[in-house]
Amino acid sequence: MFMKEKSIKKNAFLNTLKTFLTLFFPLITFPYSSRILGPSILGQVNFAQGIVSYFSLIASLGLHSYAVREIAKKRDDKQKMNAIVRELWTINLVSTVISYVLLFLTVCFVTKLQEYKGLIIICSTLIMFNTFGLNWLYEAFEEYTYITIRSLIFQVISVVLLFTMVRSSEDYLQYAAVNIISNVGANILNLFHARKFISLKKNDSEKLQIKRHLKPVFILFASAIAATFFSSLDTTMLGFLSSDEQVGFYSAGAKIVRMIKNLFPAVTAVMIPRIAYYLSKDDEKSILELEKKAFNFLFCFALPISAGFLLLMKPLVLLFCGEHYVNAILVSKIMSPFIICSAISSFTCSLLVIYGMERYTIHRMAITAVVDFVLNFILIPKYGANGAAVATLVAEILFVVIDCAFLRKYLAKVKMIKSILQFFVALVIMGVCVYFSRNLFENSVLQLVIGFVVGVVSYGAVLVVIRNQYVLELFSSIIGKVKGKLK
């Protein structure tokens, strides 16, 4: 076997740790930057980032999921795997050049974007970093130790740069640059480190078989177009139909929710290459076991976090962003259910690709993007940031419904009804406990701390009392490891 099989638990822990660090550092930096820049300037930066995201999509071509699947299948054969990597990277390089040309032409000819030219140029370095990052290669090889350490180093660098370079609202260009370093700066190291696993240099006798990848890549690209259209549509339409200030309120409110929702794909993502590998071996039992673990994890943790955010969002926004962002509170409350919906749809979308159903990702994204666009067009002029939040939530719910319809044949084999009902029972009791404990205090910090403790204890206790199998196994595993460390 070419690659030693790594522990999924270890990979999940490392990827969650990396994602947690990605969330932890903004908890330090965002309260500072949001107060320094203010809603209007913050809105400008987010608007520029939204514009660049469309061209980043063109560069990426939706390669990520396809590349992880194909490399994971061939990782036992180094020669075939190297060939696939070289072919996909060649496609990626060509698409990146096209992306930059189109971005340059767009900035030149769209008058509205002229005032954002400096920001767009800085944000566009994201495209280059993503191309040279080869992140799909590292996920296929399950190299989460390297990814985590690399990300931690650059997160620390970005925090230092933020506090030394961003001192007033006039430093918004520096803020945009620090954001790039924070998110993808570490990717530049990947190109050099990748030589440990693969060779990007083509042999003289080798012929690149680019055509064999074009159909699935362009199918996923069409889906990715709709996905990016959907993810950036809210800030883009707010920028055109409303004001920079409304973009700032929306960005602040949505940022809190979206930071947390990224924790869940961090765990489920490590299962994707392994499921693809088992699928190539026709190991249905192992596939079902991983899928059940994934869905139990998502429902067990995403449901209470969504409810907790809804109940504790006011003190969280005021503490995190400041009083100038009071209008972001309702945005965050509206989007609280987005956490559970996004967590599920992220995993189900990956399953569509794993099962060779990538053509359906186009359908799901196209339908959802159209609905999102129509709702944004209707709601933003009247309700501003709150209207954009409603549109985004409805679209994310639609994702889950469509995915479950497409995957019904596979999901029917994953027996989850009893566990889901137990999670909802615990959720209701937790919600009541948090609501009353929160109202005992006026101080925002106390509301958050007490609400969090009461929520965790009540939710966990109910699941133990009603003997939820997933939670009991989780506690048993943790207790076993603790006892093992103490011996």
Protein backbone atom coordinates (compact mmCIF):
# COMPACT_ATOMS: atom_id res chain seq x y z
CA MET A 1 0.00 0.00 0.00
CA PHE A 2 1.49 3.34 -1.11
CA MET A 3 0.16 5.39 1.79
CA LYS A 4 -0.26 4.26 5.34
CA GLU A 5 -3.91 4.59 6.45
CA LYS A 6 -4.21 7.40 8.95
CA SER A 7 -6.54 7.60 11.95
CA ILE A 8 -9.80 9.33 11.09
CA LYS A 9 -10.19 10.43 14.72
CA LYS A 10 -6.74 12.03 14.66
CA ASN A 11 -7.45 13.69 11.31
CA ALA A 12 -10.81 14.97 12.56
CA PHE A 13 -9.16 16.36 15.69
CA LEU A 14 -6.38 18.08 13.73
CA ASN A 15 -8.71 19.54 11.12
CA THR A 16 -11.09 20.72 13.84
CA LEU A 17 -8.16 22.24 15.70
CA LYS A 18 -7.08 24.06 12.55
CA THR A 19 -10.60 25.34 12.00
CA PHE A 20 -10.92 26.30 15.66
CA LEU A 21 -7.72 28.33 15.39
CA THR A 22 -9.15 29.97 12.29
CA LEU A 23 -12.16 30.92 14.43
CA PHE A 24 -10.20 31.76 17.57
CA PHE A 25 -7.96 34.37 15.96
CA PRO A 26 -10.92 36.35 14.54
CA LEU A 27 -12.35 36.38 18.07
CA ILE A 28 -9.24 38.40 18.94
CA THR A 29 -8.91 40.42 15.75
CA PHE A 30 -12.48 41.14 14.59
CA PRO A 31 -13.59 43.12 17.66
CA TYR A 32 -10.50 45.27 17.14
CA SER A 33 -10.81 45.70 13.37
CA SER A 34 -14.60 46.25 13.42
CA ARG A 35 -14.17 49.11 15.88
CA ILE A 36 -11.18 50.60 14.06
CA LEU A 37 -12.71 50.45 10.57
CA GLY A 38 -16.41 50.98 11.32
CA PRO A 39 -19.40 49.49 9.43
CA SER A 40 -18.91 51.51 6.22
CA ILE A 41 -15.21 50.71 5.62
CA LEU A 42 -15.72 47.10 6.70
CA GLY A 43 -18.51 46.91 4.15
CA GLN A 44 -16.19 48.17 1.39
CA VAL A 45 -13.62 45.47 2.17
CA ASN A 46 -16.25 42.74 2.19
CA PHE A 47 -17.76 44.01 -1.05
CA ALA A 48 -14.33 43.82 -2.75
CA GLN A 49 -13.78 40.33 -1.35
CA GLY A 50 -17.18 39.29 -2.71
CA ILE A 51 -16.29 40.53 -6.21
CA VAL A 52 -12.95 38.69 -6.20
CA SER A 53 -14.61 35.47 -5.03
CA TYR A 54 -16.34 35.16 -8.42
CA PHE A 55 -13.01 35.19 -10.24
CA SER A 56 -11.44 32.90 -7.67
CA LEU A 57 -14.18 30.48 -8.64
CA ILE A 58 -13.17 30.64 -12.30
CA ALA A 59 -9.58 29.86 -11.32
CA SER A 60 -10.54 26.91 -9.12
CA LEU A 61 -12.99 25.43 -11.68
CA GLY A 62 -14.64 23.39 -8.92
CA LEU A 63 -11.58 21.12 -8.97
CA HIS A 64 -11.38 20.56 -5.22
CA SER A 65 -13.97 17.83 -4.65
CA TYR A 66 -13.18 16.04 -7.90
CA ALA A 67 -9.43 16.10 -7.22
CA VAL A 68 -9.83 14.73 -3.68
CA ARG A 69 -12.01 11.91 -4.98
CA GLU A 70 -9.74 10.90 -7.87
CA ILE A 71 -6.45 11.13 -5.96
CA ALA A 72 -7.89 9.20 -3.01
CA LYS A 73 -8.90 6.40 -5.38
CA LYS A 74 -5.42 6.19 -6.95
CA ARG A 75 -3.25 6.82 -3.91
CA ASP A 76 -2.11 3.16 -3.87
CA ASP A 77 -0.57 3.64 -7.35
CA LYS A 78 2.05 6.40 -7.28
CA GLN A 79 2.52 6.59 -11.05
CA LYS A 80 -1.18 6.99 -11.84
CA MET A 81 -1.66 9.36 -8.94
CA ASN A 82 1.22 11.60 -10.10
CA ALA A 83 -0.26 11.74 -13.59
CA ILE A 84 -3.64 12.83 -12.25
CA VAL A 85 -2.08 15.55 -10.08
CA ARG A 86 -0.07 16.97 -13.00
CA GLU A 87 -3.11 16.97 -15.28
CA LEU A 88 -5.37 18.69 -12.76
CA TRP A 89 -2.74 21.27 -11.84
CA THR A 90 -2.21 22.11 -15.52
CA ILE A 91 -5.94 22.74 -15.87
CA ASN A 92 -5.80 24.88 -12.71
CA LEU A 93 -2.93 27.04 -14.03
CA VAL A 94 -4.72 27.75 -17.31
CA SER A 95 -7.96 28.66 -15.52
CA THR A 96 -6.04 30.99 -13.18
CA VAL A 97 -4.59 32.99 -16.09
CA ILE A 98 -8.06 33.27 -17.64
CA SER A 99 -9.45 34.38 -14.28
CA TYR A 100 -6.97 37.24 -13.92
CA VAL A 101 -7.60 38.45 -17.47
CA LEU A 102 -11.35 38.54 -16.87
CA LEU A 103 -10.90 40.32 -13.53
CA PHE A 104 -8.73 42.99 -15.15
CA LEU A 105 -11.30 43.61 -17.90
CA THR A 106 -14.17 43.74 -15.41
CA VAL A 107 -12.48 46.33 -13.21
CA CYS A 108 -11.65 48.41 -16.28
CA PHE A 109 -15.17 48.46 -17.72
CA VAL A 110 -17.51 48.38 -14.68
CA THR A 111 -17.68 51.95 -13.37
CA LYS A 112 -18.96 50.97 -9.91
CA LEU A 113 -15.78 48.95 -9.28
CA GLN A 114 -13.37 51.79 -10.02
CA GLU A 115 -13.59 53.13 -6.46
CA TYR A 116 -12.73 49.68 -5.11
CA LYS A 117 -9.78 49.10 -7.48
CA GLY A 118 -7.05 49.09 -4.80
CA LEU A 119 -8.99 46.71 -2.57
CA ILE A 120 -9.78 44.38 -5.46
CA ILE A 121 -6.13 44.19 -6.53
CA ILE A 122 -5.05 43.21 -3.03
CA CYS A 123 -7.89 40.71 -2.58
CA SER A 124 -7.15 39.15 -5.97
CA THR A 125 -3.89 37.66 -4.62
CA LEU A 126 -6.25 35.10 -3.05
CA ILE A 127 -6.58 33.56 -6.53
CA MET A 128 -2.84 32.97 -6.89
CA PHE A 129 -2.45 31.62 -3.35
CA ASN A 130 -5.28 29.15 -3.87
CA THR A 131 -3.85 27.86 -7.13
CA PHE A 132 -0.38 27.26 -5.74
CA GLY A 133 -1.80 25.88 -2.50
CA LEU A 134 -2.79 22.46 -3.90
CA ASN A 135 -5.05 22.02 -0.88
CA TRP A 136 -6.97 19.24 -2.64
CA LEU A 137 -3.74 17.21 -2.73
CA TYR A 138 -3.22 17.49 1.03
CA GLU A 139 -6.80 16.53 1.80
CA ALA A 140 -6.57 13.48 -0.46
CA PHE A 141 -3.39 12.42 1.37
CA GLU A 142 -5.01 13.28 4.74
CA GLU A 143 -1.97 15.40 5.70
CA TYR A 144 -3.75 17.27 8.47
CA THR A 145 -0.75 17.53 10.79
CA TYR A 146 1.17 19.62 8.27
CA ILE A 147 -1.91 21.68 7.37
CA THR A 148 -2.64 22.48 11.02
CA ILE A 149 0.91 23.52 11.95
CA ARG A 150 1.28 25.61 8.80
CA SER A 151 -2.03 27.38 9.41
CA LEU A 152 -1.20 28.12 13.05
CA ILE A 153 2.08 29.82 12.12
CA PHE A 154 0.45 32.10 9.55
CA GLN A 155 -2.47 32.90 11.85
CA VAL A 156 -0.02 34.17 14.46
CA ILE A 157 1.83 36.21 11.81
CA SER A 158 -1.44 37.76 10.63
CA VAL A 159 -2.46 38.77 14.16
CA VAL A 160 0.88 40.51 14.71
CA LEU A 161 0.54 42.31 11.37
CA LEU A 162 -3.02 43.41 12.14
CA PHE A 163 -2.16 45.09 15.43
CA THR A 164 0.97 46.73 14.02
CA MET A 165 -0.32 47.81 10.59
CA VAL A 166 -4.01 48.61 11.11
CA ARG A 167 -4.35 51.60 13.44
CA SER A 168 -7.13 53.69 11.85
CA SER A 169 -9.88 53.49 9.21
CA GLU A 170 -7.34 54.76 6.65
CA ASP A 171 -5.47 51.46 6.96
CA TYR A 172 -8.21 49.46 5.25
CA LEU A 173 -5.86 48.30 2.46
CA GLN A 174 -3.51 46.85 5.06
CA TYR A 175 -6.50 45.16 6.69
CA ALA A 176 -7.44 43.53 3.39
CA ALA A 177 -3.86 42.29 2.91
CA VAL A 178 -3.73 40.86 6.44
CA ASN A 179 -6.98 39.00 5.75
CA ILE A 180 -5.39 37.34 2.73
CA ILE A 181 -2.31 36.32 4.73
CA SER A 182 -4.50 34.98 7.50
CA ASN A 183 -6.69 32.85 5.23
CA VAL A 184 -4.43 31.58 2.46
CA GLY A 185 -0.93 32.97 2.97
CA ALA A 186 0.34 29.58 4.11
CA ASN A 187 -0.66 28.06 0.76
CA ILE A 188 2.50 29.34 -0.90
CA LEU A 189 4.50 26.82 1.16
CA ASN A 190 2.46 23.94 -0.17
CA LEU A 191 3.99 24.00 -3.63
CA PHE A 192 7.43 23.28 -2.18
CA HIS A 193 6.25 20.83 0.45
CA ALA A 194 4.21 18.88 -2.13
CA ARG A 195 7.42 17.42 -3.59
CA LYS A 196 7.44 15.07 -0.62
CA PHE A 197 4.42 13.25 -2.11
CA ILE A 198 4.34 13.91 -5.83
CA SER A 199 6.34 15.12 -8.81
CA LEU A 200 4.88 18.03 -10.77
CA LYS A 201 7.54 17.67 -13.48
CA LYS A 202 6.26 15.83 -16.56
CA ASN A 203 8.31 13.02 -18.06
CA ASP A 204 9.38 13.50 -21.70
CA SER A 205 7.49 10.40 -22.80
CA GLU A 206 4.37 11.23 -20.80
CA LYS A 207 1.26 12.59 -22.46
CA LEU A 208 -1.08 14.62 -20.30
CA GLN A 209 -4.62 13.28 -20.62
CA ILE A 210 -6.40 16.54 -19.93
CA LYS A 211 -9.58 15.66 -21.80
CA ARG A 212 -10.58 12.84 -19.46
CA HIS A 213 -11.04 15.36 -16.64
CA LEU A 214 -12.85 18.10 -18.53
CA LYS A 215 -16.41 16.76 -18.39
CA PRO A 216 -16.57 16.08 -14.60
CA VAL A 217 -14.55 19.23 -13.88
CA PHE A 218 -16.87 21.46 -15.89
CA ILE A 219 -19.93 19.81 -14.34
CA LEU A 220 -18.55 20.67 -10.89
CA PHE A 221 -17.50 24.09 -12.18
CA ALA A 222 -21.09 24.84 -13.16
CA SER A 223 -22.14 23.82 -9.66
CA ALA A 224 -19.37 25.90 -8.12
CA ILE A 225 -20.47 28.94 -10.13
CA ALA A 226 -23.89 28.69 -8.55
CA ALA A 227 -22.30 28.02 -5.12
CA THR A 228 -20.11 31.12 -5.23
CA PHE A 229 -22.94 33.09 -6.75
CA PHE A 230 -24.99 32.02 -3.75
CA SER A 231 -22.31 32.64 -1.09
CA SER A 232 -21.31 36.08 -2.37
CA LEU A 233 -24.67 37.18 -3.69
CA ASP A 234 -25.84 38.68 -0.42
CA THR A 235 -22.93 41.14 0.02
CA THR A 236 -22.77 41.89 -3.72
CA MET A 237 -26.46 42.74 -4.01
CA LEU A 238 -26.37 44.71 -0.77
CA GLY A 239 -23.49 46.73 -2.23
CA PHE A 240 -25.46 47.52 -5.38
CA LEU A 241 -29.00 47.79 -3.96
CA SER A 242 -28.29 49.25 -0.51
CA SER A 243 -25.29 50.89 1.18
CA ASP A 244 -21.78 50.10 2.44
CA GLU A 245 -23.15 50.46 5.97
CA GLN A 246 -25.76 47.74 5.38
CA VAL A 247 -23.03 45.52 3.94
CA GLY A 248 -21.06 46.17 7.13
CA PHE A 249 -23.99 45.21 9.38
CA TYR A 250 -24.67 42.10 7.34
CA SER A 251 -21.00 41.12 7.22
CA ALA A 252 -20.63 41.47 10.98
CA GLY A 253 -23.78 39.50 11.76
CA ALA A 254 -23.12 36.80 9.18
CA LYS A 255 -19.44 36.51 10.13
CA ILE A 256 -20.28 35.34 13.65
CA VAL A 257 -22.57 32.62 12.35
CA ARG A 258 -20.33 31.53 9.47
CA MET A 259 -17.24 31.29 11.67
CA ILE A 260 -18.90 28.63 13.82
CA LYS A 261 -20.48 26.69 10.96
CA ASN A 262 -17.02 26.05 9.51
CA LEU A 263 -16.22 23.76 12.45
CA PHE A 264 -18.51 21.04 11.14
CA PRO A 265 -17.04 20.55 7.65
CA ALA A 266 -13.66 20.38 9.41
CA VAL A 267 -14.72 17.07 10.95
CA THR A 268 -16.78 15.62 8.09
CA ALA A 269 -14.23 16.63 5.42
CA VAL A 270 -11.69 14.12 6.75
CA MET A 271 -14.20 11.34 6.06
CA ILE A 272 -14.64 12.21 2.38
CA PRO A 273 -11.36 10.80 1.00
CA ARG A 274 -11.80 7.71 3.20
CA ILE A 275 -15.37 7.16 1.93
CA ALA A 276 -14.08 7.53 -1.64
CA TYR A 277 -11.39 4.96 -0.89
CA TYR A 278 -13.89 2.49 0.63
CA LEU A 279 -16.20 3.05 -2.33
CA SER A 280 -13.41 2.02 -4.72
CA LYS A 281 -13.10 -1.20 -2.64
CA ASP A 282 -16.91 -1.78 -2.53
CA ASP A 283 -16.81 -1.72 1.28
CA GLU A 284 -20.43 -0.69 1.94
CA LYS A 285 -20.32 -1.55 5.65
CA SER A 286 -17.45 0.86 6.33
CA ILE A 287 -19.12 3.57 4.24
CA LEU A 288 -22.40 3.34 6.18
CA GLU A 289 -20.51 3.40 9.47
CA LEU A 290 -18.69 6.62 8.54
CA GLU A 291 -21.87 8.26 7.22
CA LYS A 292 -23.76 7.45 10.41
CA LYS A 293 -20.95 8.87 12.53
CA ALA A 294 -20.95 12.03 10.43
CA PHE A 295 -24.71 12.64 10.69
CA ASN A 296 -24.75 11.88 14.42
CA PHE A 297 -21.96 14.39 14.92
CA LEU A 298 -23.72 17.07 12.86
CA PHE A 299 -27.09 16.76 14.60
CA CYS A 300 -25.61 16.31 18.07
CA PHE A 301 -23.53 19.49 17.98
CA ALA A 302 -24.93 21.77 15.26
CA LEU A 303 -28.50 21.77 16.64
CA PRO A 304 -27.65 23.08 20.14
CA ILE A 305 -25.14 25.59 18.76
CA SER A 306 -27.78 27.01 16.39
CA ALA A 307 -30.28 27.31 19.26
CA GLY A 308 -27.65 28.74 21.61
CA PHE A 309 -26.74 31.43 19.09
CA LEU A 310 -30.38 32.39 18.67
CA LEU A 311 -30.82 32.79 22.43
CA LEU A 312 -27.48 34.49 23.18
CA MET A 313 -26.91 36.51 20.02
CA LYS A 314 -27.56 39.97 21.49
CA PRO A 315 -24.84 39.87 24.18
CA LEU A 316 -22.52 38.08 21.73
CA VAL A 317 -22.81 40.74 19.00
CA LEU A 318 -22.48 43.63 21.46
CA LEU A 319 -19.40 42.05 23.03
CA PHE A 320 -17.86 40.91 19.77
CA CYS A 321 -18.55 43.91 17.51
CA GLY A 322 -19.50 46.83 19.74
CA GLU A 323 -22.55 49.06 20.09
CA HIS A 324 -22.14 50.50 16.58
CA TYR A 325 -23.24 47.11 15.24
CA VAL A 326 -26.52 46.82 17.15
CA ASN A 327 -28.32 46.47 13.79
CA ALA A 328 -26.34 43.26 13.17
CA ILE A 329 -28.10 41.48 16.06
CA LEU A 330 -31.26 40.66 14.11
CA VAL A 331 -29.15 39.56 11.13
CA SER A 332 -27.36 37.01 13.32
CA LYS A 333 -30.59 35.79 14.93
CA ILE A 334 -32.21 35.24 11.55
CA MET A 335 -29.17 33.30 10.37
CA SER A 336 -28.76 31.12 13.49
CA PRO A 337 -30.48 28.08 11.90
CA PHE A 338 -28.04 28.52 9.01
CA ILE A 339 -25.45 26.66 11.13
CA ILE A 340 -27.26 23.31 11.18
CA CYS A 341 -28.49 23.62 7.58
CA SER A 342 -25.05 24.53 6.27
CA ALA A 343 -23.36 21.74 8.26
CA ILE A 344 -25.67 19.13 6.73
CA SER A 345 -25.62 20.50 3.17
CA SER A 346 -21.82 20.69 3.16
CA PHE A 347 -21.58 16.96 3.88
CA THR A 348 -24.42 15.90 1.59
CA CYS A 349 -22.91 17.89 -1.29
CA SER A 350 -19.64 15.99 -0.80
CA LEU A 351 -21.59 12.72 -0.82
CA LEU A 352 -23.11 13.63 -4.19
CA VAL A 353 -19.60 13.96 -5.62
CA ILE A 354 -18.34 10.78 -3.92
CA TYR A 355 -21.23 8.75 -5.38
CA GLY A 356 -20.54 10.10 -8.87
CA MET A 357 -23.67 12.27 -8.84
CA GLU A 358 -21.85 15.55 -9.48
CA ARG A 359 -24.32 16.46 -12.22
CA TYR A 360 -26.96 16.88 -9.51
CA THR A 361 -24.82 19.51 -7.77
CA ILE A 362 -25.58 21.75 -10.75
CA HIS A 363 -29.31 21.30 -10.25
CA ARG A 364 -29.17 21.99 -6.51
CA MET A 365 -27.02 25.09 -6.93
CA ALA A 366 -28.90 26.50 -9.91
CA ILE A 367 -32.30 26.19 -8.22
CA THR A 368 -31.03 27.61 -4.94
CA ALA A 369 -29.12 30.47 -6.57
CA VAL A 370 -32.20 31.57 -8.51
CA VAL A 371 -34.36 31.50 -5.36
CA ASP A 372 -31.68 33.40 -3.43
CA PHE A 373 -31.38 36.04 -6.16
CA VAL A 374 -35.14 36.61 -6.38
CA LEU A 375 -35.52 36.86 -2.60
CA ASN A 376 -32.56 39.24 -2.31
CA PHE A 377 -33.93 41.41 -5.12
CA ILE A 378 -37.30 41.64 -3.36
CA LEU A 379 -36.17 41.94 0.26
CA ILE A 380 -32.94 44.01 0.22
CA PRO A 381 -34.40 47.34 -1.02
CA LYS A 382 -36.93 47.33 1.85
CA TYR A 383 -35.20 45.42 4.64
CA GLY A 384 -31.49 45.83 3.85
CA ALA A 385 -29.20 43.45 5.73
CA ASN A 386 -32.12 41.66 7.40
CA GLY A 387 -33.65 40.89 4.01
CA ALA A 388 -30.36 39.42 2.79
CA ALA A 389 -30.22 37.24 5.92
CA VAL A 390 -33.72 35.85 5.28
CA ALA A 391 -32.85 35.07 1.66
CA THR A 392 -29.64 33.29 2.66
CA LEU A 393 -31.39 31.16 5.29
CA VAL A 394 -34.21 30.11 2.95
CA ALA A 395 -31.67 29.15 0.29
CA GLU A 396 -29.64 27.05 2.74
CA ILE A 397 -32.76 25.19 3.89
CA LEU A 398 -33.54 24.51 0.24
CA PHE A 399 -30.05 22.99 -0.16
CA VAL A 400 -30.77 20.39 2.52
CA VAL A 401 -34.16 19.48 1.07
CA ILE A 402 -32.80 19.02 -2.46
CA ASP A 403 -29.74 17.04 -1.33
CA CYS A 404 -31.83 14.67 0.75
CA ALA A 405 -34.11 14.09 -2.24
CA PHE A 406 -31.18 13.23 -4.51
CA LEU A 407 -29.50 11.01 -1.89
CA ARG A 408 -32.65 9.33 -0.55
CA LYS A 409 -31.53 5.88 -1.78
CA TYR A 410 -28.29 6.13 0.22
CA LEU A 411 -29.62 8.03 3.24
CA ALA A 412 -32.39 5.45 3.75
CA LYS A 413 -29.68 2.96 4.77
CA VAL A 414 -28.42 5.28 7.52
CA LYS A 415 -30.80 4.67 10.42
CA MET A 416 -31.05 8.03 12.21
CA ILE A 417 -34.69 8.71 13.12
CA LYS A 418 -34.41 7.66 16.80
CA SER A 419 -31.21 9.66 17.37
CA ILE A 420 -32.61 12.79 15.70
CA LEU A 421 -35.75 12.69 17.86
CA GLN A 422 -33.58 12.36 20.97
CA PHE A 423 -31.47 15.34 19.91
CA PHE A 424 -34.61 17.45 19.44
CA VAL A 425 -35.97 16.50 22.87
CA ALA A 426 -32.70 17.54 24.49
CA LEU A 427 -32.69 20.73 22.38
CA VAL A 428 -36.11 21.87 23.63
CA ILE A 429 -35.18 21.33 27.28
CA MET A 430 -31.84 23.08 26.76
CA GLY A 431 -33.58 26.06 25.12
CA VAL A 432 -35.91 26.56 28.08
CA CYS A 433 -33.02 26.35 30.57
CA VAL A 434 -30.85 28.83 28.64
CA TYR A 435 -33.72 31.29 28.14
CA PHE A 436 -34.52 31.56 31.86
CA SER A 437 -30.88 31.53 33.04
CA ARG A 438 -30.00 34.28 30.55
CA ASN A 439 -32.73 36.57 31.86
CA LEU A 440 -31.32 36.43 35.39
CA PHE A 441 -28.43 38.73 34.37
CA GLU A 442 -28.05 42.07 32.59
CA ASN A 443 -24.29 41.90 32.04
CA SER A 444 -23.44 40.58 28.55
CA VAL A 445 -20.45 38.54 29.69
CA LEU A 446 -22.43 36.85 32.45
CA GLN A 447 -25.30 36.13 30.08
CA LEU A 448 -22.90 34.41 27.68
CA VAL A 449 -20.95 32.45 30.28
CA ILE A 450 -23.96 31.29 32.32
CA GLY A 451 -26.03 30.61 29.21
CA PHE A 452 -23.23 28.54 27.68
CA VAL A 453 -22.64 26.46 30.85
CA VAL A 454 -26.35 25.86 31.47
CA GLY A 455 -26.87 24.94 27.82
CA VAL A 456 -24.02 22.42 27.68
CA VAL A 457 -24.91 20.77 31.00
CA SER A 458 -28.66 20.53 30.35
CA TYR A 459 -28.29 19.28 26.78
CA GLY A 460 -25.66 16.68 27.66
CA ALA A 461 -27.53 15.52 30.76
CA VAL A 462 -30.79 14.96 28.87
CA LEU A 463 -29.05 12.90 26.18
CA VAL A 464 -27.38 10.75 28.83
CA VAL A 465 -30.67 10.24 30.71
CA ILE A 466 -32.54 9.20 27.55
CA ARG A 467 -29.52 7.05 26.62
CA ASN A 468 -28.58 8.45 23.24
CA GLN A 469 -26.19 5.85 21.81
CA TYR A 470 -23.86 8.30 20.07
CA VAL A 471 -23.35 10.45 23.18
CA LEU A 472 -22.84 7.41 25.43
CA GLU A 473 -20.20 6.05 23.05
CA LEU A 474 -18.56 9.47 22.87
CA PHE A 475 -18.38 9.79 26.67
CA SER A 476 -17.13 6.22 26.97
CA SER A 477 -14.36 6.90 24.46
CA ILE A 478 -13.29 10.11 26.26
CA ILE A 479 -13.32 8.45 29.69
CA GLY A 480 -11.33 5.50 28.33
CA LYS A 481 -8.65 7.78 26.91
CA VAL A 482 -8.43 9.80 30.16
CA LYS A 483 -8.01 6.60 32.21
CA GLY A 484 -5.38 5.42 29.75
CA LYS A 485 -3.41 8.65 30.19
CA LEU A 486 -3.57 8.39 34.00
CA LYS A 487 -2.19 4.84 34.11
